[in-house]
Amino acid sequence: MPGRSPRASSRDAILRVFAEHVADRGYADTSLGDVAAELNLSKGTIVHHFGNKEALLREVHVAYFSRRFAEADFVHTHLADPVSRLVAMIYALLAAHRDDRAASLACLRELVRYFDGDLTDYVRKQRVRYTQIVVDILRAGAERGLLHTPDPQMTALQVFGMCNYAWTWYRPDGPQSVEDIARLFAHDVLAGLVPRSGAGRELDELITAAIETVRKAPGRGAADGPAEPADADLAEPVPTVP
């Protein structure tokens, strides 16, 4: 098969195709030669940019976390209350399985299979940092009487376990959209956390606003699907946080 046109001397293109190969084949079966061939480059060009395959995987993680933290910062800036922020974070975690799928699979699945040392240490620190964002949201909600949880850290791990392992069953061409799943998850979580009886339309509107806020985060516009209707240091193992 002929290689693609040389779009690819850019680092971003190399990272993107490498992540796609890792997602499709797994890290162990991903070859720098295959990545180079798909991009119509020499293998030496990739080695020049990155050095080796593990360095490429690290770069995929760095870029992945940069996108996740940018979303979280956007949520913090544009949503004031902890309940809306929590829903937005649930949606952001789930939407990454669709809109950033190759990198999500490479980061959530492959690292824990093959690595220890510096790369794992870097990823663990980023996961702890990201986890703390959700812990702080939950703690703020509890302090204001908007959320009920006696242990924000454990509740945050529940949220990550629920959302991040979606890679094991979610398929972009499946019967439910990410928005459908996020709404269901948010209803289920808030039914156990919000100390008031009727979620109803008010909760639906809150969920819709939170989802739309995440969709406006930097770098997300082109990847998102069609808009929904308006009504609508941690101990091992570490794969349950981004």
C-alpha atoms as a PDB file:
ATOM      1  CA  MET A   1       0.000   0.000   0.000  1.00  0.00           C
ATOM      2  CA  PRO A   2       1.515   3.388  -0.927  1.00  0.00           C
ATOM      3  CA  GLY A   3       2.271   5.743   1.948  1.00  0.00           C
ATOM      4  CA  ARG A   4       0.245   8.843   2.580  1.00  0.00           C
ATOM      5  CA  SER A   5       1.419  12.167   1.223  1.00  0.00           C
ATOM      6  CA  PRO A   6       4.137  13.723   3.321  1.00  0.00           C
ATOM      7  CA  ARG A   7       1.767  15.620   5.608  1.00  0.00           C
ATOM      8  CA  ALA A   8       3.850  14.055   8.137  1.00  0.00           C
ATOM      9  CA  SER A   9       7.088  15.678   8.883  1.00  0.00           C
ATOM     10  CA  SER A  10       5.269  17.304  11.816  1.00  0.00           C
ATOM     11  CA  ARG A  11       5.598  15.841  15.286  1.00  0.00           C
ATOM     12  CA  ASP A  12       1.836  15.994  15.752  1.00  0.00           C
ATOM     13  CA  ALA A  13       1.209  13.749  12.757  1.00  0.00           C
ATOM     14  CA  ILE A  14       3.761  11.202  13.979  1.00  0.00           C
ATOM     15  CA  LEU A  15       2.193  11.203  17.432  1.00  0.00           C
ATOM     16  CA  ARG A  16      -1.294  10.842  16.015  1.00  0.00           C
ATOM     17  CA  VAL A  17      -0.478   7.889  13.775  1.00  0.00           C
ATOM     18  CA  PHE A  18       1.632   6.229  16.469  1.00  0.00           C
ATOM     19  CA  ALA A  19      -1.292   6.490  18.908  1.00  0.00           C
ATOM     20  CA  GLU A  20      -3.636   5.013  16.295  1.00  0.00           C
ATOM     21  CA  HIS A  21      -1.305   2.034  15.790  1.00  0.00           C
ATOM     22  CA  VAL A  22      -0.993   1.463  19.550  1.00  0.00           C
ATOM     23  CA  ALA A  23      -4.761   1.636  19.910  1.00  0.00           C
ATOM     24  CA  ASP A  24      -5.308  -0.819  17.047  1.00  0.00           C
ATOM     25  CA  ARG A  25      -2.451  -3.270  17.635  1.00  0.00           C
ATOM     26  CA  GLY A  26      -1.131  -2.686  21.138  1.00  0.00           C
ATOM     27  CA  TYR A  27       2.217  -1.160  22.025  1.00  0.00           C
ATOM     28  CA  ALA A  28       4.191  -4.402  21.709  1.00  0.00           C
ATOM     29  CA  ASP A  29       3.075  -4.915  18.099  1.00  0.00           C
ATOM     30  CA  THR A  30       3.487  -1.303  17.018  1.00  0.00           C
ATOM     31  CA  SER A  31       6.487  -0.733  14.749  1.00  0.00           C
ATOM     32  CA  LEU A  32       8.142   2.604  14.094  1.00  0.00           C
ATOM     33  CA  GLY A  33       8.748   1.340  10.573  1.00  0.00           C
ATOM     34  CA  ASP A  34       5.014   0.883  10.029  1.00  0.00           C
ATOM     35  CA  VAL A  35       4.287   4.347  11.391  1.00  0.00           C
ATOM     36  CA  ALA A  36       6.928   5.832   9.100  1.00  0.00           C
ATOM     37  CA  ALA A  37       5.568   3.971   6.086  1.00  0.00           C
ATOM     38  CA  GLU A  38       2.023   5.209   6.691  1.00  0.00           C
ATOM     39  CA  LEU A  39       3.281   8.776   6.856  1.00  0.00           C
ATOM     40  CA  ASN A  40       5.607   8.410   3.842  1.00  0.00           C
ATOM     41  CA  LEU A  41       8.623   9.125   6.050  1.00  0.00           C
ATOM     42  CA  SER A  42      11.843   7.338   6.840  1.00  0.00           C
ATOM     43  CA  LYS A  43      12.106   5.570  10.180  1.00  0.00           C
ATOM     44  CA  GLY A  44      15.151   7.756  10.797  1.00  0.00           C
ATOM     45  CA  THR A  45      12.945  10.854  10.734  1.00  0.00           C
ATOM     46  CA  ILE A  46      10.883   9.486  13.622  1.00  0.00           C
ATOM     47  CA  VAL A  47      14.016   8.508  15.521  1.00  0.00           C
ATOM     48  CA  HIS A  48      15.378  11.995  14.931  1.00  0.00           C
ATOM     49  CA  HIS A  49      12.246  13.580  16.413  1.00  0.00           C
ATOM     50  CA  PHE A  50      11.664  11.198  19.322  1.00  0.00           C
ATOM     51  CA  GLY A  51      14.577   8.800  19.821  1.00  0.00           C
ATOM     52  CA  ASN A  52      12.708   5.542  20.435  1.00  0.00           C
ATOM     53  CA  LYS A  53       9.300   3.987  20.811  1.00  0.00           C
ATOM     54  CA  GLU A  54       8.995   4.505  24.552  1.00  0.00           C
ATOM     55  CA  ALA A  55       9.788   8.187  24.125  1.00  0.00           C
ATOM     56  CA  LEU A  56       6.952   8.364  21.602  1.00  0.00           C
ATOM     57  CA  LEU A  57       4.574   6.785  24.102  1.00  0.00           C
ATOM     58  CA  ARG A  58       5.660   9.336  26.704  1.00  0.00           C
ATOM     59  CA  GLU A  59       4.940  12.159  24.270  1.00  0.00           C
ATOM     60  CA  VAL A  60       1.484  10.713  23.608  1.00  0.00           C
ATOM     61  CA  HIS A  61       0.853  10.788  27.370  1.00  0.00           C
ATOM     62  CA  VAL A  62       2.139  14.344  27.731  1.00  0.00           C
ATOM     63  CA  ALA A  63      -0.135  15.586  24.945  1.00  0.00           C
ATOM     64  CA  TYR A  64      -3.089  13.562  26.287  1.00  0.00           C
ATOM     65  CA  PHE A  65      -2.778  15.011  29.782  1.00  0.00           C
ATOM     66  CA  SER A  66      -2.351  18.496  28.372  1.00  0.00           C
ATOM     67  CA  ARG A  67      -5.727  18.159  26.658  1.00  0.00           C
ATOM     68  CA  ARG A  68      -7.423  16.758  29.764  1.00  0.00           C
ATOM     69  CA  PHE A  69      -6.087  19.541  32.002  1.00  0.00           C
ATOM     70  CA  ALA A  70      -7.078  22.188  29.463  1.00  0.00           C
ATOM     71  CA  GLU A  71     -10.646  20.844  29.555  1.00  0.00           C
ATOM     72  CA  ALA A  72     -10.644  20.814  33.354  1.00  0.00           C
ATOM     73  CA  ASP A  73      -9.377  24.408  33.502  1.00  0.00           C
ATOM     74  CA  PHE A  74     -12.106  25.448  31.065  1.00  0.00           C
ATOM     75  CA  VAL A  75     -14.760  23.748  33.179  1.00  0.00           C
ATOM     76  CA  HIS A  76     -13.464  25.472  36.328  1.00  0.00           C
ATOM     77  CA  THR A  77     -13.542  28.862  34.598  1.00  0.00           C
ATOM     78  CA  HIS A  78     -16.958  28.578  32.987  1.00  0.00           C
ATOM     79  CA  LEU A  79     -19.015  26.633  35.552  1.00  0.00           C
ATOM     80  CA  ALA A  80     -19.383  28.039  39.044  1.00  0.00           C
ATOM     81  CA  ASP A  81     -21.118  25.348  41.063  1.00  0.00           C
ATOM     82  CA  PRO A  82     -19.683  21.953  42.089  1.00  0.00           C
ATOM     83  CA  VAL A  83     -22.620  19.931  40.752  1.00  0.00           C
ATOM     84  CA  SER A  84     -22.230  21.347  37.232  1.00  0.00           C
ATOM     85  CA  ARG A  85     -18.467  20.906  37.402  1.00  0.00           C
ATOM     86  CA  LEU A  86     -18.846  17.273  38.428  1.00  0.00           C
ATOM     87  CA  VAL A  87     -21.212  16.538  35.536  1.00  0.00           C
ATOM     88  CA  ALA A  88     -18.854  18.284  33.127  1.00  0.00           C
ATOM     89  CA  MET A  89     -15.919  16.199  34.305  1.00  0.00           C
ATOM     90  CA  ILE A  90     -17.951  12.996  33.868  1.00  0.00           C
ATOM     91  CA  TYR A  91     -18.786  14.028  30.312  1.00  0.00           C
ATOM     92  CA  ALA A  92     -15.188  15.055  29.540  1.00  0.00           C
ATOM     93  CA  LEU A  93     -13.904  11.660  30.687  1.00  0.00           C
ATOM     94  CA  LEU A  94     -16.437   9.798  28.584  1.00  0.00           C
ATOM     95  CA  ALA A  95     -16.110  12.042  25.523  1.00  0.00           C
ATOM     96  CA  ALA A  96     -12.373  11.338  25.396  1.00  0.00           C
ATOM     97  CA  HIS A  97     -13.242   7.730  24.485  1.00  0.00           C
ATOM     98  CA  ARG A  98     -14.839   9.057  21.300  1.00  0.00           C
ATOM     99  CA  ASP A  99     -13.074  12.319  20.460  1.00  0.00           C
ATOM    100  CA  ASP A 100      -9.556  11.373  21.593  1.00  0.00           C
ATOM    101  CA  ARG A 101      -9.955   7.631  21.239  1.00  0.00           C
ATOM    102  CA  ALA A 102      -6.535   6.484  20.039  1.00  0.00           C
ATOM    103  CA  ALA A 103      -4.657   8.439  22.692  1.00  0.00           C
ATOM    104  CA  SER A 104      -7.147   7.340  25.352  1.00  0.00           C
ATOM    105  CA  LEU A 105      -6.585   3.680  24.543  1.00  0.00           C
ATOM    106  CA  ALA A 106      -2.816   4.162  24.400  1.00  0.00           C
ATOM    107  CA  CYS A 107      -2.812   5.950  27.759  1.00  0.00           C
ATOM    108  CA  LEU A 108      -5.446   4.017  29.707  1.00  0.00           C
ATOM    109  CA  ARG A 109      -4.641   0.511  28.505  1.00  0.00           C
ATOM    110  CA  GLU A 110      -1.082   0.100  27.321  1.00  0.00           C
ATOM    111  CA  LEU A 111       0.965   1.706  30.071  1.00  0.00           C
ATOM    112  CA  VAL A 112      -0.111  -0.659  32.816  1.00  0.00           C
ATOM    113  CA  ARG A 113       0.670  -3.649  30.617  1.00  0.00           C
ATOM    114  CA  TYR A 114       4.262  -2.894  29.793  1.00  0.00           C
ATOM    115  CA  PHE A 115       5.971  -0.182  31.809  1.00  0.00           C
ATOM    116  CA  ASP A 116       7.526   0.856  35.060  1.00  0.00           C
ATOM    117  CA  GLY A 117      10.152   3.437  35.933  1.00  0.00           C
ATOM    118  CA  ASP A 118      10.181   7.052  34.776  1.00  0.00           C
ATOM    119  CA  LEU A 119       7.204   6.876  32.433  1.00  0.00           C
ATOM    120  CA  THR A 120       4.957   5.233  34.989  1.00  0.00           C
ATOM    121  CA  ASP A 121       6.103   7.733  37.615  1.00  0.00           C
ATOM    122  CA  TYR A 122       5.227  10.630  35.319  1.00  0.00           C
ATOM    123  CA  VAL A 123       1.803   9.202  34.523  1.00  0.00           C
ATOM    124  CA  ARG A 124       1.056   8.464  38.174  1.00  0.00           C
ATOM    125  CA  LYS A 125       1.813  12.060  39.137  1.00  0.00           C
ATOM    126  CA  GLN A 126      -0.465  13.392  36.416  1.00  0.00           C
ATOM    127  CA  ARG A 127      -3.244  11.022  37.471  1.00  0.00           C
ATOM    128  CA  VAL A 128      -2.910  12.116  41.088  1.00  0.00           C
ATOM    129  CA  ARG A 129      -3.104  15.735  39.985  1.00  0.00           C
ATOM    130  CA  TYR A 130      -6.168  15.078  37.830  1.00  0.00           C
ATOM    131  CA  THR A 131      -7.838  13.021  40.524  1.00  0.00           C
ATOM    132  CA  GLN A 132      -7.394  15.903  42.940  1.00  0.00           C
ATOM    133  CA  ILE A 133      -9.433  18.137  40.654  1.00  0.00           C
ATOM    134  CA  VAL A 134     -12.456  15.864  41.067  1.00  0.00           C
ATOM    135  CA  VAL A 135     -11.783  15.372  44.791  1.00  0.00           C
ATOM    136  CA  ASP A 136     -11.779  19.148  45.235  1.00  0.00           C
ATOM    137  CA  ILE A 137     -15.057  19.472  43.323  1.00  0.00           C
ATOM    138  CA  LEU A 138     -16.681  16.849  45.535  1.00  0.00           C
ATOM    139  CA  ARG A 139     -15.276  18.367  48.726  1.00  0.00           C
ATOM    140  CA  ALA A 140     -16.493  21.835  47.770  1.00  0.00           C
ATOM    141  CA  GLY A 141     -19.925  20.425  46.993  1.00  0.00           C
ATOM    142  CA  ALA A 142     -20.063  18.645  50.350  1.00  0.00           C
ATOM    143  CA  GLU A 143     -18.965  21.759  52.240  1.00  0.00           C
ATOM    144  CA  ARG A 144     -21.724  23.786  50.570  1.00  0.00           C
ATOM    145  CA  GLY A 145     -24.353  21.126  51.188  1.00  0.00           C
ATOM    146  CA  LEU A 146     -24.841  20.526  47.469  1.00  0.00           C
ATOM    147  CA  LEU A 147     -23.327  17.034  47.406  1.00  0.00           C
ATOM    148  CA  HIS A 148     -23.374  14.346  50.038  1.00  0.00           C
ATOM    149  CA  THR A 149     -20.263  12.204  50.358  1.00  0.00           C
ATOM    150  CA  PRO A 150     -18.378  11.297  53.527  1.00  0.00           C
ATOM    151  CA  ASP A 151     -15.218  10.502  51.538  1.00  0.00           C
ATOM    152  CA  PRO A 152     -14.553  12.692  48.457  1.00  0.00           C
ATOM    153  CA  GLN A 153     -11.413  10.716  47.566  1.00  0.00           C
ATOM    154  CA  MET A 154     -13.278   7.415  47.386  1.00  0.00           C
ATOM    155  CA  THR A 155     -16.183   8.975  45.522  1.00  0.00           C
ATOM    156  CA  ALA A 156     -13.746  10.425  42.980  1.00  0.00           C
ATOM    157  CA  LEU A 157     -12.315   6.948  42.425  1.00  0.00           C
ATOM    158  CA  GLN A 158     -15.854   5.691  41.840  1.00  0.00           C
ATOM    159  CA  VAL A 159     -16.302   8.321  39.130  1.00  0.00           C
ATOM    160  CA  PHE A 160     -13.005   7.437  37.445  1.00  0.00           C
ATOM    161  CA  GLY A 161     -13.673   3.714  37.624  1.00  0.00           C
ATOM    162  CA  MET A 162     -17.089   4.239  36.078  1.00  0.00           C
ATOM    163  CA  CYS A 163     -15.876   6.480  33.259  1.00  0.00           C
ATOM    164  CA  ASN A 164     -12.367   5.336  32.393  1.00  0.00           C
ATOM    165  CA  TYR A 165     -13.104   1.649  32.002  1.00  0.00           C
ATOM    166  CA  ALA A 166     -15.649   2.555  29.371  1.00  0.00           C
ATOM    167  CA  TRP A 167     -12.875   1.754  26.878  1.00  0.00           C
ATOM    168  CA  THR A 168     -13.572  -1.929  27.581  1.00  0.00           C
ATOM    169  CA  TRP A 169     -17.145  -1.732  26.270  1.00  0.00           C
ATOM    170  CA  TYR A 170     -17.834   1.619  24.568  1.00  0.00           C
ATOM    171  CA  ARG A 171     -17.790   1.712  20.758  1.00  0.00           C
ATOM    172  CA  PRO A 172     -18.250   4.974  18.832  1.00  0.00           C
ATOM    173  CA  ASP A 173     -20.639   3.218  16.438  1.00  0.00           C
ATOM    174  CA  GLY A 174     -22.635   1.630  19.261  1.00  0.00           C
ATOM    175  CA  PRO A 175     -26.315   2.209  19.990  1.00  0.00           C
ATOM    176  CA  GLN A 176     -25.787   4.957  22.590  1.00  0.00           C
ATOM    177  CA  SER A 177     -23.942   8.214  22.080  1.00  0.00           C
ATOM    178  CA  VAL A 178     -21.427   9.554  24.571  1.00  0.00           C
ATOM    179  CA  GLU A 179     -23.993  12.201  25.444  1.00  0.00           C
ATOM    180  CA  ASP A 180     -26.604   9.511  26.217  1.00  0.00           C
ATOM    181  CA  ILE A 181     -24.150   7.633  28.414  1.00  0.00           C
ATOM    182  CA  ALA A 182     -22.994  10.795  30.189  1.00  0.00           C
ATOM    183  CA  ARG A 183     -26.587  11.743  30.980  1.00  0.00           C
ATOM    184  CA  LEU A 184     -27.300   8.297  32.383  1.00  0.00           C
ATOM    185  CA  PHE A 185     -24.101   8.235  34.454  1.00  0.00           C
ATOM    186  CA  ALA A 186     -24.709  11.756  35.754  1.00  0.00           C
ATOM    187  CA  HIS A 187     -28.283  10.921  36.765  1.00  0.00           C
ATOM    188  CA  ASP A 188     -27.106   7.763  38.540  1.00  0.00           C
ATOM    189  CA  VAL A 189     -24.273   9.532  40.369  1.00  0.00           C
ATOM    190  CA  LEU A 190     -26.295  12.561  41.378  1.00  0.00           C
ATOM    191  CA  ALA A 191     -29.221  10.474  42.530  1.00  0.00           C
ATOM    192  CA  GLY A 192     -26.856   9.096  45.156  1.00  0.00           C
ATOM    193  CA  LEU A 193     -25.103  12.369  45.949  1.00  0.00           C
ATOM    194  CA  VAL A 194     -27.629  15.177  45.722  1.00  0.00           C
ATOM    195  CA  PRO A 195     -29.618  15.337  48.971  1.00  0.00           C
ATOM    196  CA  ARG A 196     -32.948  16.349  47.426  1.00  0.00           C
ATOM    197  CA  SER A 197     -35.708  14.392  45.826  1.00  0.00           C
ATOM    198  CA  GLY A 198     -36.495  15.419  42.312  1.00  0.00           C
ATOM    199  CA  ALA A 199     -33.809  15.754  39.789  1.00  0.00           C
ATOM    200  CA  GLY A 200     -36.261  15.912  36.892  1.00  0.00           C
ATOM    201  CA  ARG A 201     -36.086  18.690  34.348  1.00  0.00           C
ATOM    202  CA  GLU A 202     -33.871  20.881  36.518  1.00  0.00           C
ATOM    203  CA  LEU A 203     -31.199  18.182  36.566  1.00  0.00           C
ATOM    204  CA  ASP A 204     -31.608  17.574  32.829  1.00  0.00           C
ATOM    205  CA  GLU A 205     -30.985  21.256  32.175  1.00  0.00           C
ATOM    206  CA  LEU A 206     -27.933  21.256  34.435  1.00  0.00           C
ATOM    207  CA  ILE A 207     -26.504  18.223  32.615  1.00  0.00           C
ATOM    208  CA  THR A 208     -27.129  19.807  29.200  1.00  0.00           C
ATOM    209  CA  ALA A 209     -25.367  23.025  30.252  1.00  0.00           C
ATOM    210  CA  ALA A 210     -22.388  21.093  31.626  1.00  0.00           C
ATOM    211  CA  ILE A 211     -22.033  19.032  28.434  1.00  0.00           C
ATOM    212  CA  GLU A 212     -22.225  22.121  26.238  1.00  0.00           C
ATOM    213  CA  THR A 213     -19.565  23.840  28.352  1.00  0.00           C
ATOM    214  CA  VAL A 214     -17.102  20.985  27.789  1.00  0.00           C
ATOM    215  CA  ARG A 215     -17.825  21.054  24.055  1.00  0.00           C
ATOM    216  CA  LYS A 216     -16.636  24.657  23.945  1.00  0.00           C
ATOM    217  CA  ALA A 217     -13.287  23.837  25.572  1.00  0.00           C
ATOM    218  CA  PRO A 218     -10.196  24.658  23.479  1.00  0.00           C
ATOM    219  CA  GLY A 219      -9.341  22.117  20.798  1.00  0.00           C
ATOM    220  CA  ARG A 220     -12.589  20.163  20.988  1.00  0.00           C
ATOM    221  CA  GLY A 221     -14.839  21.735  18.362  1.00  0.00           C
ATOM    222  CA  ALA A 222     -13.851  19.730  15.301  1.00  0.00           C
ATOM    223  CA  ALA A 223     -13.958  16.381  17.072  1.00  0.00           C
ATOM    224  CA  ASP A 224     -17.354  16.623  18.699  1.00  0.00           C
ATOM    225  CA  GLY A 225     -20.366  14.947  17.263  1.00  0.00           C
ATOM    226  CA  PRO A 226     -23.670  16.698  16.551  1.00  0.00           C
ATOM    227  CA  ALA A 227     -25.113  18.755  19.352  1.00  0.00           C
ATOM    228  CA  GLU A 228     -27.708  17.210  21.587  1.00  0.00           C
ATOM    229  CA  PRO A 229     -31.185  18.728  21.788  1.00  0.00           C
ATOM    230  CA  ALA A 230     -31.468  21.471  24.383  1.00  0.00           C
ATOM    231  CA  ASP A 231     -33.495  19.297  26.757  1.00  0.00           C
ATOM    232  CA  ALA A 232     -31.373  17.075  26.851  1.00  0.00           C
ATOM    233  CA  ASP A 233       0.350   9.606  45.111  1.00  0.00           C
ATOM    234  CA  LEU A 234      -2.231   6.795  44.426  1.00  0.00           C
ATOM    235  CA  ALA A 235      -1.338   3.174  45.144  1.00  0.00           C
ATOM    236  CA  GLU A 236      -1.224   0.684  42.300  1.00  0.00           C
ATOM    237  CA  PRO A 237      -3.176  -0.245  40.290  1.00  0.00           C
ATOM    238  CA  VAL A 238      -3.552   3.127  38.589  1.00  0.00           C
ATOM    239  CA  PRO A 239      -5.601   2.579  35.401  1.00  0.00           C
ATOM    240  CA  THR A 240      -8.763   4.163  36.799  1.00  0.00           C
ATOM    241  CA  VAL A 241      -7.672   7.773  36.477  1.00  0.00           C
ATOM    242  CA  PRO A 242      -6.683   9.541  33.239  1.00  0.00           C
END
